[in-house]
């Protein structure tokens, strides 16, 4: 008698409909288990975001390097860069490199 009342319930009739059951199974399958599932798309979107961030970073680095290259076309800038970065010197010239010890004390 109790089972008949449950069977006559409107919600039970809707949930026990074979089309609703198939639809729920389809949604669960597509959402979690399929190769093109929602979870896979979310992971791929996160990877795309990381790659786009890396792309922006490298574009900024290329722009900065291009500015340095353009700056090195000037002979004076080229000499300054060679002296500072590669410790180059002219003949009969002595270079003294002074390094500061930067220990922070509390």
C-alpha atoms as a PDB file:
ATOM      1  CA  UNK A   1       0.000   0.000   0.000  1.00  0.00           C
ATOM      2  CA  UNK A   2       2.842   2.369   0.769  1.00  0.00           C
ATOM      3  CA  UNK A   3       4.480   1.555  -2.576  1.00  0.00           C
ATOM      4  CA  UNK A   4       1.266   2.506  -4.435  1.00  0.00           C
ATOM      5  CA  UNK A   5       1.312   5.956  -2.860  1.00  0.00           C
ATOM      6  CA  UNK A   6       4.930   6.445  -3.895  1.00  0.00           C
ATOM      7  CA  UNK A   7       4.130   5.257  -7.429  1.00  0.00           C
ATOM      8  CA  UNK A   8       1.261   7.708  -7.734  1.00  0.00           C
ATOM      9  CA  UNK A   9       3.416  10.613  -6.611  1.00  0.00           C
ATOM     10  CA  UNK A  10       3.961  13.107  -9.470  1.00  0.00           C
ATOM     11  CA  UNK A  11       7.680  13.551  -8.789  1.00  0.00           C
ATOM     12  CA  UNK A  12       8.273   9.805  -8.747  1.00  0.00           C
ATOM     13  CA  UNK A  13       6.487   9.437 -12.085  1.00  0.00           C
ATOM     14  CA  UNK A  14       8.653  12.131 -13.653  1.00  0.00           C
ATOM     15  CA  UNK A  15      11.908  10.778 -12.218  1.00  0.00           C
ATOM     16  CA  UNK A  16      11.085   7.185 -13.154  1.00  0.00           C
ATOM     17  CA  UNK A  17      10.310   8.136 -16.760  1.00  0.00           C
ATOM     18  CA  UNK A  18      12.735   6.306 -19.063  1.00  0.00           C
ATOM     19  CA  UNK A  19      13.489   9.460 -21.061  1.00  0.00           C
ATOM     20  CA  UNK A  20      14.390  11.398 -17.933  1.00  0.00           C
ATOM     21  CA  UNK A  21      16.639   8.566 -16.768  1.00  0.00           C
ATOM     22  CA  UNK A  22      18.356   8.421 -20.160  1.00  0.00           C
ATOM     23  CA  UNK A  23      18.759  12.213 -20.189  1.00  0.00           C
ATOM     24  CA  UNK A  24      20.323  12.205 -16.697  1.00  0.00           C
ATOM     25  CA  UNK A  25      22.682   9.398 -17.650  1.00  0.00           C
ATOM     26  CA  UNK A  26      23.650  11.252 -20.832  1.00  0.00           C
ATOM     27  CA  UNK A  27      24.355  14.489 -18.937  1.00  0.00           C
ATOM     28  CA  UNK A  28      26.443  12.663 -16.331  1.00  0.00           C
ATOM     29  CA  UNK A  29      28.373  10.812 -19.030  1.00  0.00           C
ATOM     30  CA  UNK A  30      29.068  13.959 -21.055  1.00  0.00           C
ATOM     31  CA  UNK A  31      29.910  15.970 -17.952  1.00  0.00           C
ATOM     32  CA  UNK A  32      32.422  13.622 -16.373  1.00  0.00           C
ATOM     33  CA  UNK A  33      33.335  10.518 -18.353  1.00  0.00           C
ATOM     34  CA  UNK A  34      33.495  11.463 -22.036  1.00  0.00           C
ATOM     35  CA  UNK A  35      36.726  12.432 -23.774  1.00  0.00           C
ATOM     36  CA  UNK A  36      35.294  15.914 -24.349  1.00  0.00           C
ATOM     37  CA  UNK A  37      33.855  16.252 -20.865  1.00  0.00           C
ATOM     38  CA  UNK A  38      33.362  19.436 -18.920  1.00  0.00           C
ATOM     39  CA  UNK A  39      36.328  18.563 -16.693  1.00  0.00           C
ATOM     40  CA  UNK A  40      38.649  18.121 -19.678  1.00  0.00           C
ATOM     41  CA  UNK A  41      37.490  21.432 -21.138  1.00  0.00           C
ATOM     42  CA  UNK A  42      38.139  23.167 -17.828  1.00  0.00           C
ATOM     43  CA  UNK A  43      41.683  21.756 -17.656  1.00  0.00           C
ATOM     44  CA  UNK A  44      42.354  22.751 -21.250  1.00  0.00           C
ATOM     45  CA  UNK A  45      41.025  26.275 -20.635  1.00  0.00           C
ATOM     46  CA  UNK A  46      43.368  26.628 -17.667  1.00  0.00           C
ATOM     47  CA  UNK A  47      46.286  25.465 -19.791  1.00  0.00           C
ATOM     48  CA  UNK A  48      45.324  27.943 -22.517  1.00  0.00           C
ATOM     49  CA  UNK A  49      45.292  30.747 -19.931  1.00  0.00           C
ATOM     50  CA  UNK A  50      48.777  29.775 -18.735  1.00  0.00           C
ATOM     51  CA  UNK A  51      50.079  29.671 -22.301  1.00  0.00           C
ATOM     52  CA  UNK A  52      48.553  33.066 -23.093  1.00  0.00           C
ATOM     53  CA  UNK A  53      50.212  34.530 -19.988  1.00  0.00           C
ATOM     54  CA  UNK A  54      53.542  33.036 -21.063  1.00  0.00           C
ATOM     55  CA  UNK A  55      52.997  34.425 -24.556  1.00  0.00           C
ATOM     56  CA  UNK A  56      52.433  37.931 -23.151  1.00  0.00           C
ATOM     57  CA  UNK A  57      55.545  37.626 -20.960  1.00  0.00           C
ATOM     58  CA  UNK A  58      57.727  36.600 -23.890  1.00  0.00           C
ATOM     59  CA  UNK A  59      56.330  39.385 -26.080  1.00  0.00           C
ATOM     60  CA  UNK A  60      57.296  41.906 -23.390  1.00  0.00           C
ATOM     61  CA  UNK A  61      60.757  40.350 -23.175  1.00  0.00           C
ATOM     62  CA  UNK A  62      61.121  40.564 -26.963  1.00  0.00           C
ATOM     63  CA  UNK A  63      60.154  44.254 -26.861  1.00  0.00           C
ATOM     64  CA  UNK A  64      62.691  44.926 -24.094  1.00  0.00           C
ATOM     65  CA  UNK A  65      65.421  43.059 -25.983  1.00  0.00           C
ATOM     66  CA  UNK A  66      64.549  44.919 -29.165  1.00  0.00           C
ATOM     67  CA  UNK A  67      65.045  48.217 -27.313  1.00  0.00           C
ATOM     68  CA  UNK A  68      68.466  47.018 -26.133  1.00  0.00           C
ATOM     69  CA  UNK A  69      69.382  45.977 -29.674  1.00  0.00           C
ATOM     70  CA  UNK A  70      68.261  49.331 -31.049  1.00  0.00           C
ATOM     71  CA  UNK A  71      70.282  51.045 -28.336  1.00  0.00           C
ATOM     72  CA  UNK A  72      73.385  49.017 -29.272  1.00  0.00           C
ATOM     73  CA  UNK A  73      73.370  50.417 -32.802  1.00  0.00           C
ATOM     74  CA  UNK A  74      74.907  53.593 -31.347  1.00  0.00           C
ATOM     75  CA  UNK A  75      78.709  53.099 -30.993  1.00  0.00           C
ATOM     76  CA  UNK A  76      78.858  54.900 -27.635  1.00  0.00           C
ATOM     77  CA  UNK A  77      76.078  52.760 -26.221  1.00  0.00           C
ATOM     78  CA  UNK A  78      77.742  49.643 -27.595  1.00  0.00           C
ATOM     79  CA  UNK A  79      81.012  50.544 -25.882  1.00  0.00           C
ATOM     80  CA  UNK A  80      79.229  51.283 -22.592  1.00  0.00           C
ATOM     81  CA  UNK A  81      77.362  47.971 -22.774  1.00  0.00           C
ATOM     82  CA  UNK A  82      80.573  46.033 -23.541  1.00  0.00           C
ATOM     83  CA  UNK A  83      82.388  47.685 -20.634  1.00  0.00           C
ATOM     84  CA  UNK A  84      79.566  47.102 -18.130  1.00  0.00           C
ATOM     85  CA  UNK A  85      78.446  43.627 -19.107  1.00  0.00           C
ATOM     86  CA  UNK A  86      81.579  41.953 -20.419  1.00  0.00           C
ATOM     87  CA  UNK A  87      84.253  43.933 -18.513  1.00  0.00           C
ATOM     88  CA  UNK A  88      86.006  44.894 -21.755  1.00  0.00           C
ATOM     89  CA  UNK A  89      88.638  47.582 -21.823  1.00  0.00           C
ATOM     90  CA  UNK A  90      90.780  49.570 -24.191  1.00  0.00           C
ATOM     91  CA  UNK A  91      94.478  48.874 -24.603  1.00  0.00           C
ATOM     92  CA  UNK A  92      96.703  50.357 -21.889  1.00  0.00           C
ATOM     93  CA  UNK A  93      93.705  50.813 -19.607  1.00  0.00           C
ATOM     94  CA  UNK A  94      93.214  49.363 -16.154  1.00  0.00           C
ATOM     95  CA  UNK A  95      89.802  48.497 -14.793  1.00  0.00           C
ATOM     96  CA  UNK A  96      88.967  48.259 -11.131  1.00  0.00           C
ATOM     97  CA  UNK A  97      85.785  46.406 -10.254  1.00  0.00           C
ATOM     98  CA  UNK A  98      84.295  47.402  -6.940  1.00  0.00           C
ATOM     99  CA  UNK A  99      81.771  45.029  -5.469  1.00  0.00           C
ATOM    100  CA  UNK A 100      79.758  46.007  -2.443  1.00  0.00           C
ATOM    101  CA  UNK A 101      78.856  43.501   0.227  1.00  0.00           C
ATOM    102  CA  UNK A 102      75.162  44.043   0.834  1.00  0.00           C
ATOM    103  CA  UNK A 103      74.333  42.133   3.976  1.00  0.00           C
ATOM    104  CA  UNK A 104      71.153  43.308   5.614  1.00  0.00           C
ATOM    105  CA  UNK A 105      71.163  43.507   9.362  1.00  0.00           C
ATOM    106  CA  UNK A 106      68.051  43.658  11.491  1.00  0.00           C
END
